[in-house]
Amino acid sequence: MLEYSMFERLPFRSQAEAIAKNGTILARRKYNTWHVTLYEFNDTFVELWSGDAVQVFSTFKASASKVAIFEPYLDSVDVGELGVSEL
Protein backbone atom coordinates (compact mmCIF):
# COMPACT_ATOMS: atom_id res chain seq x y z
CA MET A 1 0.00 0.00 0.00
CA LEU A 2 1.36 3.39 -1.01
CA GLU A 3 1.68 5.79 1.92
CA TYR A 4 -0.42 8.91 1.44
CA SER A 5 2.52 11.28 2.09
CA MET A 6 4.48 9.45 -0.61
CA PHE A 7 1.55 9.81 -3.04
CA GLU A 8 1.73 13.59 -2.74
CA ARG A 9 5.39 13.55 -3.85
CA LEU A 10 4.90 11.35 -6.91
CA PRO A 11 4.87 12.81 -10.44
CA PHE A 12 1.41 13.16 -11.97
CA ARG A 13 1.70 10.04 -14.16
CA SER A 14 2.54 7.87 -11.13
CA GLN A 15 -0.30 9.45 -9.12
CA ALA A 16 -2.72 8.67 -11.95
CA GLU A 17 -1.54 5.04 -12.07
CA ALA A 18 -1.93 4.66 -8.29
CA ILE A 19 -5.45 6.14 -8.37
CA ALA A 20 -6.44 3.92 -11.32
CA LYS A 21 -5.19 0.84 -9.49
CA ASN A 22 -6.31 1.56 -5.90
CA GLY A 23 -8.72 4.50 -5.99
CA THR A 24 -12.52 4.48 -5.85
CA ILE A 25 -14.62 7.22 -7.46
CA LEU A 26 -17.01 8.66 -4.88
CA ALA A 27 -18.52 11.69 -6.62
CA ARG A 28 -18.22 14.09 -9.55
CA ARG A 29 -19.04 17.77 -9.99
CA LYS A 30 -18.36 20.78 -12.19
CA TYR A 31 -16.69 23.96 -10.98
CA ASN A 32 -16.64 26.70 -13.63
CA THR A 33 -14.86 25.02 -16.56
CA TRP A 34 -13.32 22.27 -14.40
CA HIS A 35 -14.56 18.68 -14.02
CA VAL A 36 -13.76 17.53 -10.49
CA THR A 37 -13.73 13.89 -9.42
CA LEU A 38 -13.49 12.86 -5.76
CA TYR A 39 -11.66 9.60 -5.04
CA GLU A 40 -11.14 7.55 -1.91
CA PHE A 41 -7.53 6.38 -1.89
CA ASN A 42 -5.87 4.49 0.97
CA ASP A 43 -8.41 5.77 3.52
CA THR A 44 -7.98 9.39 2.41
CA PHE A 45 -9.58 11.66 -0.21
CA VAL A 46 -8.05 12.96 -3.43
CA GLU A 47 -9.62 15.20 -6.09
CA LEU A 48 -8.75 15.17 -9.78
CA TRP A 49 -9.32 18.56 -11.41
CA SER A 50 -9.59 18.21 -15.20
CA GLY A 51 -9.55 21.23 -17.49
CA ASP A 52 -9.19 21.73 -21.22
CA ALA A 53 -5.41 21.28 -21.27
CA VAL A 54 -4.45 20.23 -17.76
CA GLN A 55 -5.20 17.70 -15.03
CA VAL A 56 -4.17 18.18 -11.41
CA PHE A 57 -4.56 16.00 -8.33
CA SER A 58 -5.27 17.83 -5.09
CA THR A 59 -5.17 16.45 -1.59
CA PHE A 60 -6.75 17.49 1.70
CA LYS A 61 -5.13 18.35 4.99
CA ALA A 62 -5.47 15.64 7.61
CA SER A 63 -7.58 18.04 9.68
CA ALA A 64 -10.22 18.49 6.93
CA SER A 65 -13.60 17.14 7.99
CA LYS A 66 -15.44 14.65 5.80
CA VAL A 67 -18.46 16.94 5.79
CA ALA A 68 -16.37 19.81 4.38
CA ILE A 69 -14.89 17.52 1.72
CA PHE A 70 -18.27 16.18 0.58
CA GLU A 71 -20.24 19.45 0.77
CA PRO A 72 -19.38 20.70 -2.76
CA TYR A 73 -20.71 17.43 -4.19
CA LEU A 74 -24.10 17.41 -2.45
CA ASP A 75 -25.91 19.33 -5.20
CA SER A 76 -25.08 16.58 -7.68
CA VAL A 77 -26.50 13.76 -5.51
CA ASP A 78 -29.95 12.57 -6.58
CA VAL A 79 -31.53 11.22 -3.39
CA GLY A 80 -34.70 10.35 -5.31
CA GLU A 81 -32.95 7.26 -6.63
CA LEU A 82 -32.22 6.15 -3.06
CA GLY A 83 -35.88 5.52 -2.29
CA VAL A 84 -35.95 8.16 0.46
CA SER A 85 -39.41 9.63 0.94
CA GLU A 86 -40.17 13.11 2.19
CA LEU A 87 -41.11 13.43 5.84
PDB file of N, CA and C in Angstrom:
ATOM      1  N   MET A   1       0.846  -1.182   0.000  1.00  0.00           N
ATOM      2  CA  MET A   1       0.000   0.000   0.000  1.00  0.00           C
ATOM      3  C   MET A   1       0.887   1.240   0.000  1.00  0.00           C
ATOM      4  N   LEU A   2       0.599   2.160  -0.886  1.00  0.00           N
ATOM      5  CA  LEU A   2       1.360   3.394  -1.007  1.00  0.00           C
ATOM      6  C   LEU A   2       0.964   4.355   0.105  1.00  0.00           C
ATOM      7  N   GLU A   3       1.947   4.811   0.868  1.00  0.00           N
ATOM      8  CA  GLU A   3       1.675   5.786   1.923  1.00  0.00           C
ATOM      9  C   GLU A   3       1.168   7.082   1.304  1.00  0.00           C
ATOM     10  N   TYR A   4       0.195   7.703   1.964  1.00  0.00           N
ATOM     11  CA  TYR A   4      -0.416   8.911   1.443  1.00  0.00           C
ATOM     12  C   TYR A   4       0.606  10.025   1.253  1.00  0.00           C
ATOM     13  N   SER A   5       1.516  10.212   2.208  1.00  0.00           N
ATOM     14  CA  SER A   5       2.515  11.278   2.092  1.00  0.00           C
ATOM     15  C   SER A   5       3.430  11.034   0.891  1.00  0.00           C
ATOM     16  N   MET A   6       3.667   9.770   0.566  1.00  0.00           N
ATOM     17  CA  MET A   6       4.477   9.451  -0.608  1.00  0.00           C
ATOM     18  C   MET A   6       3.709   9.751  -1.890  1.00  0.00           C
ATOM     19  N   PHE A   7       2.392   9.513  -1.883  1.00  0.00           N
ATOM     20  CA  PHE A   7       1.554   9.808  -3.041  1.00  0.00           C
ATOM     21  C   PHE A   7       1.687  11.274  -3.439  1.00  0.00           C
ATOM     22  N   GLU A   8       1.662  12.158  -2.460  1.00  0.00           N
ATOM     23  CA  GLU A   8       1.733  13.591  -2.740  1.00  0.00           C
ATOM     24  C   GLU A   8       3.019  13.975  -3.459  1.00  0.00           C
ATOM     25  N   ARG A   9       4.087  13.227  -3.258  1.00  0.00           N
ATOM     26  CA  ARG A   9       5.386  13.551  -3.847  1.00  0.00           C
ATOM     27  C   ARG A   9       5.617  12.914  -5.213  1.00  0.00           C
ATOM     28  N   LEU A  10       4.727  12.028  -5.628  1.00  0.00           N
ATOM     29  CA  LEU A  10       4.896  11.351  -6.915  1.00  0.00           C
ATOM     30  C   LEU A  10       4.627  12.306  -8.077  1.00  0.00           C
ATOM     31  N   PRO A  11       5.243  12.052  -9.239  1.00  0.00           N
ATOM     32  CA  PRO A  11       4.875  12.807 -10.440  1.00  0.00           C
ATOM     33  C   PRO A  11       3.439  12.455 -10.843  1.00  0.00           C
ATOM     34  N   PHE A  12       2.814  13.329 -11.612  1.00  0.00           N
ATOM     35  CA  PHE A  12       1.406  13.159 -11.972  1.00  0.00           C
ATOM     36  C   PHE A  12       1.126  11.783 -12.572  1.00  0.00           C
ATOM     37  N   ARG A  13       1.947  11.329 -13.501  1.00  0.00           N
ATOM     38  CA  ARG A  13       1.699  10.038 -14.164  1.00  0.00           C
ATOM     39  C   ARG A  13       1.643   8.904 -13.140  1.00  0.00           C
ATOM     40  N   SER A  14       2.531   8.911 -12.163  1.00  0.00           N
ATOM     41  CA  SER A  14       2.538   7.874 -11.127  1.00  0.00           C
ATOM     42  C   SER A  14       1.330   8.007 -10.208  1.00  0.00           C
ATOM     43  N   GLN A  15       0.916   9.245  -9.911  1.00  0.00           N
ATOM     44  CA  GLN A  15      -0.299   9.449  -9.117  1.00  0.00           C
ATOM     45  C   GLN A  15      -1.507   8.875  -9.859  1.00  0.00           C
ATOM     46  N   ALA A  16      -1.594   9.154 -11.152  1.00  0.00           N
ATOM     47  CA  ALA A  16      -2.723   8.666 -11.951  1.00  0.00           C
ATOM     48  C   ALA A  16      -2.755   7.141 -11.970  1.00  0.00           C
ATOM     49  N   GLU A  17      -1.596   6.509 -12.086  1.00  0.00           N
ATOM     50  CA  GLU A  17      -1.538   5.044 -12.072  1.00  0.00           C
ATOM     51  C   GLU A  17      -1.981   4.484 -10.721  1.00  0.00           C
ATOM     52  N   ALA A  18      -1.551   5.124  -9.635  1.00  0.00           N
ATOM     53  CA  ALA A  18      -1.933   4.663  -8.294  1.00  0.00           C
ATOM     54  C   ALA A  18      -3.435   4.804  -8.076  1.00  0.00           C
ATOM     55  N   ILE A  19      -4.003   5.920  -8.515  1.00  0.00           N
ATOM     56  CA  ILE A  19      -5.450   6.142  -8.374  1.00  0.00           C
ATOM     57  C   ILE A  19      -6.218   5.128  -9.221  1.00  0.00           C
ATOM     58  N   ALA A  20      -5.759   4.878 -10.445  1.00  0.00           N
ATOM     59  CA  ALA A  20      -6.444   3.921 -11.317  1.00  0.00           C
ATOM     60  C   ALA A  20      -6.415   2.525 -10.712  1.00  0.00           C
ATOM     61  N   LYS A  21      -5.343   2.186 -10.053  1.00  0.00           N
ATOM     62  CA  LYS A  21      -5.193   0.842  -9.490  1.00  0.00           C
ATOM     63  C   LYS A  21      -5.910   0.687  -8.153  1.00  0.00           C
ATOM     64  N   ASN A  22      -5.831   1.700  -7.276  1.00  0.00           N
ATOM     65  CA  ASN A  22      -6.314   1.557  -5.899  1.00  0.00           C
ATOM     66  C   ASN A  22      -7.363   2.574  -5.474  1.00  0.00           C
ATOM     67  N   GLY A  23      -7.758   3.470  -6.354  1.00  0.00           N
ATOM     68  CA  GLY A  23      -8.724   4.502  -5.987  1.00  0.00           C
ATOM     69  C   GLY A  23     -10.148   4.094  -6.322  1.00  0.00           C
ATOM     70  N   THR A  24     -11.096   4.706  -5.612  1.00  0.00           N
ATOM     71  CA  THR A  24     -12.519   4.479  -5.854  1.00  0.00           C
ATOM     72  C   THR A  24     -13.188   5.828  -6.071  1.00  0.00           C
ATOM     73  N   ILE A  25     -13.899   5.979  -7.193  1.00  0.00           N
ATOM     74  CA  ILE A  25     -14.624   7.218  -7.458  1.00  0.00           C
ATOM     75  C   ILE A  25     -15.808   7.303  -6.512  1.00  0.00           C
ATOM     76  N   LEU A  26     -15.901   8.437  -5.807  1.00  0.00           N
ATOM     77  CA  LEU A  26     -17.009   8.658  -4.879  1.00  0.00           C
ATOM     78  C   LEU A  26     -18.044   9.628  -5.426  1.00  0.00           C
ATOM     79  N   ALA A  27     -17.588  10.663  -6.142  1.00  0.00           N
ATOM     80  CA  ALA A  27     -18.517  11.688  -6.623  1.00  0.00           C
ATOM     81  C   ALA A  27     -17.847  12.507  -7.720  1.00  0.00           C
ATOM     82  N   ARG A  28     -18.704  13.192  -8.497  1.00  0.00           N
ATOM     83  CA  ARG A  28     -18.218  14.094  -9.552  1.00  0.00           C
ATOM     84  C   ARG A  28     -19.019  15.383  -9.491  1.00  0.00           C
ATOM     85  N   ARG A  29     -18.362  16.470  -9.923  1.00  0.00           N
ATOM     86  CA  ARG A  29     -19.035  17.775  -9.988  1.00  0.00           C
ATOM     87  C   ARG A  29     -18.338  18.644 -11.014  1.00  0.00           C
ATOM     88  N   LYS A  30     -18.973  19.770 -11.329  1.00  0.00           N
ATOM     89  CA  LYS A  30     -18.358  20.781 -12.188  1.00  0.00           C
ATOM     90  C   LYS A  30     -18.105  22.020 -11.348  1.00  0.00           C
ATOM     91  N   TYR A  31     -16.993  22.689 -11.602  1.00  0.00           N
ATOM     92  CA  TYR A  31     -16.686  23.962 -10.976  1.00  0.00           C
ATOM     93  C   TYR A  31     -16.152  24.867 -12.070  1.00  0.00           C
ATOM     94  N   ASN A  32     -16.951  25.851 -12.472  1.00  0.00           N
ATOM     95  CA  ASN A  32     -16.640  26.702 -13.627  1.00  0.00           C
ATOM     96  C   ASN A  32     -16.357  25.800 -14.828  1.00  0.00           C
ATOM     97  N   THR A  33     -15.176  25.852 -15.398  1.00  0.00           N
ATOM     98  CA  THR A  33     -14.863  25.018 -16.561  1.00  0.00           C
ATOM     99  C   THR A  33     -14.175  23.714 -16.176  1.00  0.00           C
ATOM    100  N   TRP A  34     -14.011  23.461 -14.893  1.00  0.00           N
ATOM    101  CA  TRP A  34     -13.323  22.267 -14.402  1.00  0.00           C
ATOM    102  C   TRP A  34     -14.298  21.125 -14.163  1.00  0.00           C
ATOM    103  N   HIS A  35     -13.857  19.907 -14.426  1.00  0.00           N
ATOM    104  CA  HIS A  35     -14.557  18.682 -14.024  1.00  0.00           C
ATOM    105  C   HIS A  35     -13.758  18.132 -12.848  1.00  0.00           C
ATOM    106  N   VAL A  36     -14.440  17.943 -11.711  1.00  0.00           N
ATOM    107  CA  VAL A  36     -13.757  17.528 -10.491  1.00  0.00           C
ATOM    108  C   VAL A  36     -14.290  16.157 -10.072  1.00  0.00           C
ATOM    109  N   THR A  37     -13.373  15.238  -9.829  1.00  0.00           N
ATOM    110  CA  THR A  37     -13.728  13.887  -9.417  1.00  0.00           C
ATOM    111  C   THR A  37     -13.118  13.619  -8.051  1.00  0.00           C
ATOM    112  N   LEU A  38     -13.948  13.186  -7.113  1.00  0.00           N
ATOM    113  CA  LEU A  38     -13.492  12.859  -5.764  1.00  0.00           C
ATOM    114  C   LEU A  38     -13.244  11.355  -5.677  1.00  0.00           C
ATOM    115  N   TYR A  39     -12.051  10.996  -5.213  1.00  0.00           N
ATOM    116  CA  TYR A  39     -11.656   9.600  -5.042  1.00  0.00           C
ATOM    117  C   TYR A  39     -11.382   9.314  -3.573  1.00  0.00           C
ATOM    118  N   GLU A  40     -11.650   8.071  -3.175  1.00  0.00           N
ATOM    119  CA  GLU A  40     -11.142   7.545  -1.911  1.00  0.00           C
ATOM    120  C   GLU A  40      -9.900   6.761  -2.300  1.00  0.00           C
ATOM    121  N   PHE A  41      -8.806   7.017  -1.578  1.00  0.00           N
ATOM    122  CA  PHE A  41      -7.534   6.383  -1.885  1.00  0.00           C
ATOM    123  C   PHE A  41      -6.781   6.129  -0.591  1.00  0.00           C
ATOM    124  N   ASN A  42      -6.600   4.861  -0.252  1.00  0.00           N
ATOM    125  CA  ASN A  42      -5.866   4.485   0.966  1.00  0.00           C
ATOM    126  C   ASN A  42      -6.408   5.202   2.207  1.00  0.00           C
ATOM    127  N   ASP A  43      -7.726   5.173   2.365  1.00  0.00           N
ATOM    128  CA  ASP A  43      -8.407   5.774   3.522  1.00  0.00           C
ATOM    129  C   ASP A  43      -8.274   7.288   3.601  1.00  0.00           C
ATOM    130  N   THR A  44      -8.021   7.935   2.480  1.00  0.00           N
ATOM    131  CA  THR A  44      -7.982   9.394   2.408  1.00  0.00           C
ATOM    132  C   THR A  44      -8.752   9.824   1.156  1.00  0.00           C
ATOM    133  N   PHE A  45      -8.852  11.120   0.929  1.00  0.00           N
ATOM    134  CA  PHE A  45      -9.580  11.656  -0.213  1.00  0.00           C
ATOM    135  C   PHE A  45      -8.641  12.445  -1.113  1.00  0.00           C
ATOM    136  N   VAL A  46      -8.841  12.277  -2.416  1.00  0.00           N
ATOM    137  CA  VAL A  46      -8.054  12.963  -3.433  1.00  0.00           C
ATOM    138  C   VAL A  46      -9.028  13.463  -4.490  1.00  0.00           C
ATOM    139  N   GLU A  47      -8.810  14.679  -4.995  1.00  0.00           N
ATOM    140  CA  GLU A  47      -9.616  15.202  -6.091  1.00  0.00           C
ATOM    141  C   GLU A  47      -8.759  15.282  -7.346  1.00  0.00           C
ATOM    142  N   LEU A  48      -9.373  14.961  -8.483  1.00  0.00           N
ATOM    143  CA  LEU A  48      -8.753  15.168  -9.780  1.00  0.00           C
ATOM    144  C   LEU A  48      -9.492  16.316 -10.453  1.00  0.00           C
ATOM    145  N   TRP A  49      -8.778  17.399 -10.721  1.00  0.00           N
ATOM    146  CA  TRP A  49      -9.324  18.560 -11.412  1.00  0.00           C
ATOM    147  C   TRP A  49      -8.900  18.456 -12.870  1.00  0.00           C
ATOM    148  N   SER A  50      -9.869  18.347 -13.781  1.00  0.00           N
ATOM    149  CA  SER A  50      -9.590  18.209 -15.205  1.00  0.00           C
ATOM    150  C   SER A  50     -10.101  19.431 -15.945  1.00  0.00           C
ATOM    151  N   GLY A  51      -9.188  20.079 -16.664  1.00  0.00           N
ATOM    152  CA  GLY A  51      -9.545  21.232 -17.488  1.00  0.00           C
ATOM    153  C   GLY A  51      -9.291  20.911 -18.944  1.00  0.00           C
ATOM    154  N   ASP A  52      -9.370  21.934 -19.785  1.00  0.00           N
ATOM    155  CA  ASP A  52      -9.185  21.730 -21.220  1.00  0.00           C
ATOM    156  C   ASP A  52      -7.800  21.181 -21.555  1.00  0.00           C
ATOM    157  N   ALA A  53      -6.775  21.682 -20.904  1.00  0.00           N
ATOM    158  CA  ALA A  53      -5.414  21.279 -21.273  1.00  0.00           C
ATOM    159  C   ALA A  53      -4.586  20.792 -20.094  1.00  0.00           C
ATOM    160  N   VAL A  54      -5.232  20.589 -18.945  1.00  0.00           N
ATOM    161  CA  VAL A  54      -4.454  20.230 -17.760  1.00  0.00           C
ATOM    162  C   VAL A  54      -5.285  19.351 -16.825  1.00  0.00           C
ATOM    163  N   GLN A  55      -4.594  18.484 -16.099  1.00  0.00           N
ATOM    164  CA  GLN A  55      -5.199  17.697 -15.027  1.00  0.00           C
ATOM    165  C   GLN A  55      -4.295  17.817 -13.810  1.00  0.00           C
ATOM    166  N   VAL A  56      -4.924  17.994 -12.645  1.00  0.00           N
ATOM    167  CA  VAL A  56      -4.167  18.177 -11.407  1.00  0.00           C
ATOM    168  C   VAL A  56      -4.845  17.381 -10.302  1.00  0.00           C
ATOM    169  N   PHE A  57      -4.043  16.642  -9.520  1.00  0.00           N
ATOM    170  CA  PHE A  57      -4.560  15.999  -8.325  1.00  0.00           C
ATOM    171  C   PHE A  57      -4.384  16.954  -7.159  1.00  0.00           C
ATOM    172  N   SER A  58      -5.392  17.038  -6.307  1.00  0.00           N
ATOM    173  CA  SER A  58      -5.274  17.834  -5.090  1.00  0.00           C
ATOM    174  C   SER A  58      -5.611  16.947  -3.904  1.00  0.00           C
ATOM    175  N   THR A  59      -4.977  17.235  -2.796  1.00  0.00           N
ATOM    176  CA  THR A  59      -5.173  16.451  -1.586  1.00  0.00           C
ATOM    177  C   THR A  59      -5.732  17.356  -0.501  1.00  0.00           C
ATOM    178  N   PHE A  60      -6.174  16.755   0.580  1.00  0.00           N
ATOM    179  CA  PHE A  60      -6.754  17.490   1.697  1.00  0.00           C
ATOM    180  C   PHE A  60      -5.861  17.370   2.914  1.00  0.00           C
ATOM    181  N   LYS A  61      -5.860  18.417   3.721  1.00  0.00           N
ATOM    182  CA  LYS A  61      -5.134  18.353   4.987  1.00  0.00           C
ATOM    183  C   LYS A  61      -5.761  17.277   5.865  1.00  0.00           C
ATOM    184  N   ALA A  62      -4.966  16.683   6.717  1.00  0.00           N
ATOM    185  CA  ALA A  62      -5.466  15.637   7.614  1.00  0.00           C
ATOM    186  C   ALA A  62      -6.579  16.162   8.513  1.00  0.00           C
ATOM    187  N   SER A  63      -6.573  17.454   8.792  1.00  0.00           N
ATOM    188  CA  SER A  63      -7.577  18.043   9.683  1.00  0.00           C
ATOM    189  C   SER A  63      -8.899  18.347   8.981  1.00  0.00           C
ATOM    190  N   ALA A  64      -8.980  18.193   7.656  1.00  0.00           N
ATOM    191  CA  ALA A  64     -10.219  18.487   6.926  1.00  0.00           C
ATOM    192  C   ALA A  64     -11.307  17.496   7.324  1.00  0.00           C
ATOM    193  N   SER A  65     -12.496  18.021   7.598  1.00  0.00           N
ATOM    194  CA  SER A  65     -13.601  17.139   7.985  1.00  0.00           C
ATOM    195  C   SER A  65     -14.229  16.510   6.749  1.00  0.00           C
ATOM    196  N   LYS A  66     -14.780  15.327   6.908  1.00  0.00           N
ATOM    197  CA  LYS A  66     -15.435  14.647   5.799  1.00  0.00           C
ATOM    198  C   LYS A  66     -16.625  15.454   5.297  1.00  0.00           C
ATOM    199  N   VAL A  67     -17.309  16.115   6.188  1.00  0.00           N
ATOM    200  CA  VAL A  67     -18.455  16.942   5.790  1.00  0.00           C
ATOM    201  C   VAL A  67     -17.991  18.063   4.867  1.00  0.00           C
ATOM    202  N   ALA A  68     -16.896  18.728   5.200  1.00  0.00           N
ATOM    203  CA  ALA A  68     -16.370  19.812   4.376  1.00  0.00           C
ATOM    204  C   ALA A  68     -15.908  19.285   3.018  1.00  0.00           C
ATOM    205  N   ILE A  69     -15.350  18.101   2.983  1.00  0.00           N
ATOM    206  CA  ILE A  69     -14.886  17.520   1.724  1.00  0.00           C
ATOM    207  C   ILE A  69     -16.064  17.181   0.817  1.00  0.00           C
ATOM    208  N   PHE A  70     -17.131  16.613   1.374  1.00  0.00           N
ATOM    209  CA  PHE A  70     -18.273  16.179   0.576  1.00  0.00           C
ATOM    210  C   PHE A  70     -19.255  17.298   0.239  1.00  0.00           C
ATOM    211  N   GLU A  71     -19.249  18.391   0.977  1.00  0.00           N
ATOM    212  CA  GLU A  71     -20.245  19.450   0.773  1.00  0.00           C
ATOM    213  C   GLU A  71     -20.343  19.948  -0.674  1.00  0.00           C
ATOM    214  N   PRO A  72     -19.248  20.211  -1.380  1.00  0.00           N
ATOM    215  CA  PRO A  72     -19.381  20.699  -2.760  1.00  0.00           C
ATOM    216  C   PRO A  72     -20.047  19.709  -3.715  1.00  0.00           C
ATOM    217  N   TYR A  73     -20.143  18.458  -3.326  1.00  0.00           N
ATOM    218  CA  TYR A  73     -20.713  17.429  -4.190  1.00  0.00           C
ATOM    219  C   TYR A  73     -22.192  17.180  -3.918  1.00  0.00           C
ATOM    220  N   LEU A  74     -22.730  17.734  -2.860  1.00  0.00           N
ATOM    221  CA  LEU A  74     -24.097  17.410  -2.450  1.00  0.00           C
ATOM    222  C   LEU A  74     -25.148  17.815  -3.476  1.00  0.00           C
ATOM    223  N   ASP A  75     -24.930  18.910  -4.203  1.00  0.00           N
ATOM    224  CA  ASP A  75     -25.907  19.334  -5.205  1.00  0.00           C
ATOM    225  C   ASP A  75     -26.045  18.340  -6.346  1.00  0.00           C
ATOM    226  N   SER A  76     -25.026  17.526  -6.574  1.00  0.00           N
ATOM    227  CA  SER A  76     -25.077  16.575  -7.679  1.00  0.00           C
ATOM    228  C   SER A  76     -25.612  15.212  -7.265  1.00  0.00           C
ATOM    229  N   VAL A  77     -25.968  15.036  -5.995  1.00  0.00           N
ATOM    230  CA  VAL A  77     -26.502  13.764  -5.512  1.00  0.00           C
ATOM    231  C   VAL A  77     -28.011  13.748  -5.703  1.00  0.00           C
ATOM    232  N   ASP A  78     -28.513  12.728  -6.366  1.00  0.00           N
ATOM    233  CA  ASP A  78     -29.946  12.570  -6.578  1.00  0.00           C
ATOM    234  C   ASP A  78     -30.477  11.580  -5.546  1.00  0.00           C
ATOM    235  N   VAL A  79     -31.047  12.095  -4.461  1.00  0.00           N
ATOM    236  CA  VAL A  79     -31.529  11.216  -3.392  1.00  0.00           C
ATOM    237  C   VAL A  79     -32.837  10.526  -3.780  1.00  0.00           C
ATOM    238  N   GLY A  80     -33.486  10.985  -4.849  1.00  0.00           N
ATOM    239  CA  GLY A  80     -34.697  10.347  -5.314  1.00  0.00           C
ATOM    240  C   GLY A  80     -34.460   8.902  -5.700  1.00  0.00           C
ATOM    241  N   GLU A  81     -33.270   8.613  -6.221  1.00  0.00           N
ATOM    242  CA  GLU A  81     -32.947   7.258  -6.633  1.00  0.00           C
ATOM    243  C   GLU A  81     -32.662   6.349  -5.440  1.00  0.00           C
ATOM    244  N   LEU A  82     -32.516   6.945  -4.250  1.00  0.00           N
ATOM    245  CA  LEU A  82     -32.217   6.151  -3.062  1.00  0.00           C
ATOM    246  C   LEU A  82     -33.462   5.607  -2.387  1.00  0.00           C
ATOM    247  N   GLY A  83     -34.631   5.998  -2.872  1.00  0.00           N
ATOM    248  CA  GLY A  83     -35.880   5.518  -2.291  1.00  0.00           C
ATOM    249  C   GLY A  83     -36.223   6.206  -0.980  1.00  0.00           C
ATOM    250  N   VAL A  84     -35.678   7.412  -0.762  1.00  0.00           N
ATOM    251  CA  VAL A  84     -35.952   8.158   0.464  1.00  0.00           C
ATOM    252  C   VAL A  84     -37.200   8.998   0.223  1.00  0.00           C
ATOM    253  N   SER A  85     -38.186   8.848   1.086  1.00  0.00           N
ATOM    254  CA  SER A  85     -39.414   9.627   0.936  1.00  0.00           C
ATOM    255  C   SER A  85     -39.339  10.872   1.816  1.00  0.00           C
ATOM    256  N   GLU A  86     -40.109  11.882   1.422  1.00  0.00           N
ATOM    257  CA  GLU A  86     -40.166  13.110   2.194  1.00  0.00           C
ATOM    258  C   GLU A  86     -40.875  12.867   3.506  1.00  0.00           C
ATOM    259  N   LEU A  87     -40.476  13.580   4.528  1.00  0.00           N
ATOM    260  CA  LEU A  87     -41.112  13.435   5.842  1.00  0.00           C
ATOM    261  C   LEU A  87     -42.338  14.291   5.938  1.00  0.00           C
TER     262      LEU A  87
END
